Amino acid sequence: MRKLILAIIDFFYPPFKSFISQHNFRYLATGGSTWLLGNIVYYIAFHHLFSTDDVNFVFFTLKRETAALAVDFLVVIPYSFLLNRYVIFTHSEVKAHIQLLRFLNLNLVNILLTYVMQKFFIEVLSIYPTVSKVVVSVLIAGFSYLYQHYFTFSVKKIKAK
């Protein structure tokens, strides 16, 4: 499966060869698929799964946009971890359970940042929720890349002798 995914991504790489490394292109491609999946899931949840402004659960109530965000994260987090662990950052020597804990830590931070930014864009700036989700996703992507590259899936550098 890894080889198939990389073959598809690498097919589109040649025009970008002079601008970006193959590793970063692969990360952007898988990250882009994660972003696209998240926005599709959010859209479906916001427009079709939740039909009222307030979504009642057993012990609490969420705004429709927050409930859609929760569904988005429930789908995207496992998808993203699997792509990053088994397709992009395969040379990492960090154990899988440590990677998973670091990845979940990153996603907890991302969830909190996304929630705060979504609330700000929707309630303060009056930006439509789906548009807000796209903007916030782009802002979070840069932070996520740096965190994953240098911490979650870090690779030990070999010192020159």
Protein backbone atom coordinates (compact mmCIF):
# COMPACT_ATOMS: atom_id res chain seq x y z
CA MET A 1 0.00 0.00 0.00
CA ARG A 2 2.86 2.36 0.87
CA LYS A 3 4.48 1.79 -2.52
CA LEU A 4 1.19 2.47 -4.32
CA ILE A 5 0.56 5.71 -2.41
CA LEU A 6 4.13 6.90 -3.05
CA ALA A 7 3.93 5.95 -6.73
CA ILE A 8 0.79 8.05 -7.14
CA ILE A 9 2.33 11.01 -5.28
CA ASP A 10 5.67 10.72 -7.09
CA PHE A 11 3.91 10.73 -10.47
CA PHE A 12 3.02 14.39 -9.81
CA TYR A 13 6.42 15.36 -8.38
CA PRO A 14 8.57 16.13 -11.49
CA PRO A 15 7.18 19.65 -12.17
CA PHE A 16 7.94 20.61 -8.56
CA LYS A 17 11.42 19.04 -8.40
CA SER A 18 13.28 22.35 -8.64
CA PHE A 19 11.16 23.99 -5.89
CA ILE A 20 10.76 21.38 -3.16
CA SER A 21 12.38 18.18 -1.93
CA GLN A 22 10.65 14.90 -2.64
CA HIS A 23 10.11 14.27 1.08
CA ASN A 24 8.44 17.65 1.59
CA PHE A 25 6.34 17.16 -1.54
CA ARG A 26 5.16 13.81 -0.22
CA TYR A 27 4.34 15.38 3.13
CA LEU A 28 2.40 18.17 1.43
CA ALA A 29 0.52 15.68 -0.74
CA THR A 30 -0.51 13.47 2.18
CA GLY A 31 -1.20 16.53 4.30
CA GLY A 32 -3.29 17.92 1.46
CA SER A 33 -5.30 14.71 1.31
CA THR A 34 -5.81 14.89 5.07
CA TRP A 35 -6.89 18.52 4.77
CA LEU A 36 -9.27 17.71 1.94
CA LEU A 37 -10.75 14.74 3.82
CA GLY A 38 -11.20 16.91 6.93
CA ASN A 39 -13.00 19.63 5.01
CA ILE A 40 -15.27 17.12 3.27
CA VAL A 41 -16.11 15.41 6.57
CA TYR A 42 -16.72 18.78 8.23
CA TYR A 43 -18.97 19.90 5.38
CA ILE A 44 -21.00 16.69 5.43
CA ALA A 45 -21.33 16.74 9.21
CA PHE A 46 -22.22 20.43 9.33
CA HIS A 47 -24.71 20.38 6.46
CA HIS A 48 -26.16 16.87 6.60
CA LEU A 49 -25.39 15.06 9.86
CA PHE A 50 -26.38 17.87 12.23
CA SER A 51 -29.51 19.76 11.24
CA THR A 52 -30.06 22.01 14.28
CA ASP A 53 -27.91 24.83 15.66
CA ASP A 54 -27.53 23.00 18.98
CA VAL A 55 -26.62 19.31 19.00
CA ASN A 56 -27.73 17.50 22.15
CA PHE A 57 -25.69 14.60 23.42
CA VAL A 58 -26.44 12.62 26.60
CA PHE A 59 -24.64 14.90 29.05
CA PHE A 60 -23.92 18.06 27.06
CA THR A 61 -24.89 20.23 24.12
CA LEU A 62 -22.61 21.47 21.35
CA LYS A 63 -23.04 24.07 18.67
CA ARG A 64 -23.43 22.52 15.23
CA GLU A 65 -20.03 23.76 14.05
CA THR A 66 -18.32 22.29 17.13
CA ALA A 67 -20.03 18.93 16.69
CA ALA A 68 -18.97 18.89 13.03
CA LEU A 69 -15.42 19.70 14.11
CA ALA A 70 -15.48 16.74 16.53
CA VAL A 71 -16.58 14.37 13.75
CA ASP A 72 -13.87 15.81 11.51
CA PHE A 73 -11.16 15.09 14.09
CA LEU A 74 -12.46 11.58 14.81
CA VAL A 75 -11.97 10.69 11.14
CA VAL A 76 -8.86 12.69 10.28
CA ILE A 77 -6.60 11.96 13.26
CA PRO A 78 -6.25 8.19 12.66
CA TYR A 79 -5.97 8.70 8.89
CA SER A 80 -3.24 11.30 9.32
CA PHE A 81 -1.24 9.27 11.84
CA LEU A 82 -1.24 6.19 9.62
CA LEU A 83 -0.08 8.18 6.58
CA ASN A 84 2.65 9.95 8.52
CA ARG A 85 3.92 6.83 10.30
CA TYR A 86 3.79 4.33 7.46
CA VAL A 87 4.21 6.47 4.34
CA ILE A 88 6.10 9.70 5.11
CA PHE A 89 8.26 9.36 8.23
CA THR A 90 9.28 5.70 7.86
CA HIS A 91 12.93 6.21 8.86
CA SER A 92 12.15 7.42 12.35
CA GLU A 93 13.62 5.32 15.14
CA VAL A 94 11.10 6.59 17.67
CA LYS A 95 8.89 3.73 18.86
CA ALA A 96 5.33 3.61 17.53
CA HIS A 97 3.65 4.17 20.90
CA ILE A 98 5.85 7.23 21.55
CA GLN A 99 5.03 8.57 18.08
CA LEU A 100 1.34 8.01 18.75
CA LEU A 101 1.51 9.86 22.09
CA ARG A 102 3.39 12.75 20.49
CA PHE A 103 0.96 12.80 17.57
CA LEU A 104 -2.05 12.82 19.90
CA ASN A 105 -0.39 15.63 21.90
CA LEU A 106 0.00 17.64 18.69
CA ASN A 107 -3.60 16.97 17.76
CA LEU A 108 -4.84 18.02 21.19
CA VAL A 109 -3.03 21.32 20.72
CA ASN A 110 -4.43 21.54 17.17
CA ILE A 111 -7.95 20.83 18.40
CA LEU A 112 -7.71 23.58 21.01
CA LEU A 113 -6.18 26.06 18.54
CA THR A 114 -8.75 25.14 15.90
CA TYR A 115 -11.63 25.49 18.37
CA VAL A 116 -10.45 28.92 19.55
CA MET A 117 -9.75 30.17 16.04
CA GLN A 118 -13.06 28.78 14.71
CA LYS A 119 -14.97 30.52 17.51
CA PHE A 120 -13.11 33.75 16.79
CA PHE A 121 -13.64 33.64 13.02
CA ILE A 122 -17.29 32.57 13.27
CA GLU A 123 -18.54 34.52 16.28
CA VAL A 124 -16.33 37.62 16.23
CA LEU A 125 -15.53 38.07 12.55
CA SER A 126 -18.83 36.53 11.31
CA ILE A 127 -17.10 34.28 8.77
CA TYR A 128 -19.22 31.39 7.51
CA PRO A 129 -18.26 28.14 9.37
CA THR A 130 -17.14 26.13 6.33
CA VAL A 131 -14.96 29.00 5.06
CA SER A 132 -13.58 29.48 8.56
CA LYS A 133 -12.67 25.79 8.74
CA VAL A 134 -10.66 26.02 5.53
CA VAL A 135 -8.75 29.14 6.69
CA VAL A 136 -8.01 27.68 10.12
CA SER A 137 -6.83 24.41 8.56
CA VAL A 138 -4.27 26.24 6.45
CA LEU A 139 -2.95 28.14 9.47
CA ILE A 140 -2.61 24.96 11.53
CA ALA A 141 -0.84 23.05 8.73
CA GLY A 142 2.47 24.94 9.00
CA PHE A 143 2.66 24.47 12.75
CA SER A 144 1.83 20.77 12.41
CA TYR A 145 4.54 20.15 9.84
CA LEU A 146 7.26 21.67 12.00
CA TYR A 147 6.06 19.81 15.09
CA GLN A 148 5.91 16.45 13.31
CA HIS A 149 9.16 16.87 11.40
CA TYR A 150 11.26 17.95 14.36
CA PHE A 151 9.55 16.13 17.23
CA THR A 152 6.89 13.47 16.60
CA PHE A 153 8.67 11.56 13.82
CA SER A 154 12.18 12.93 14.34
CA VAL A 155 15.15 11.06 12.91
CA LYS A 156 18.53 11.03 14.61
CA LYS A 157 21.15 12.85 12.55
CA ILE A 158 24.45 11.06 12.01
CA LYS A 159 27.36 13.28 12.99
CA ALA A 160 30.20 13.61 10.50
CA LYS A 161 33.57 12.35 11.78
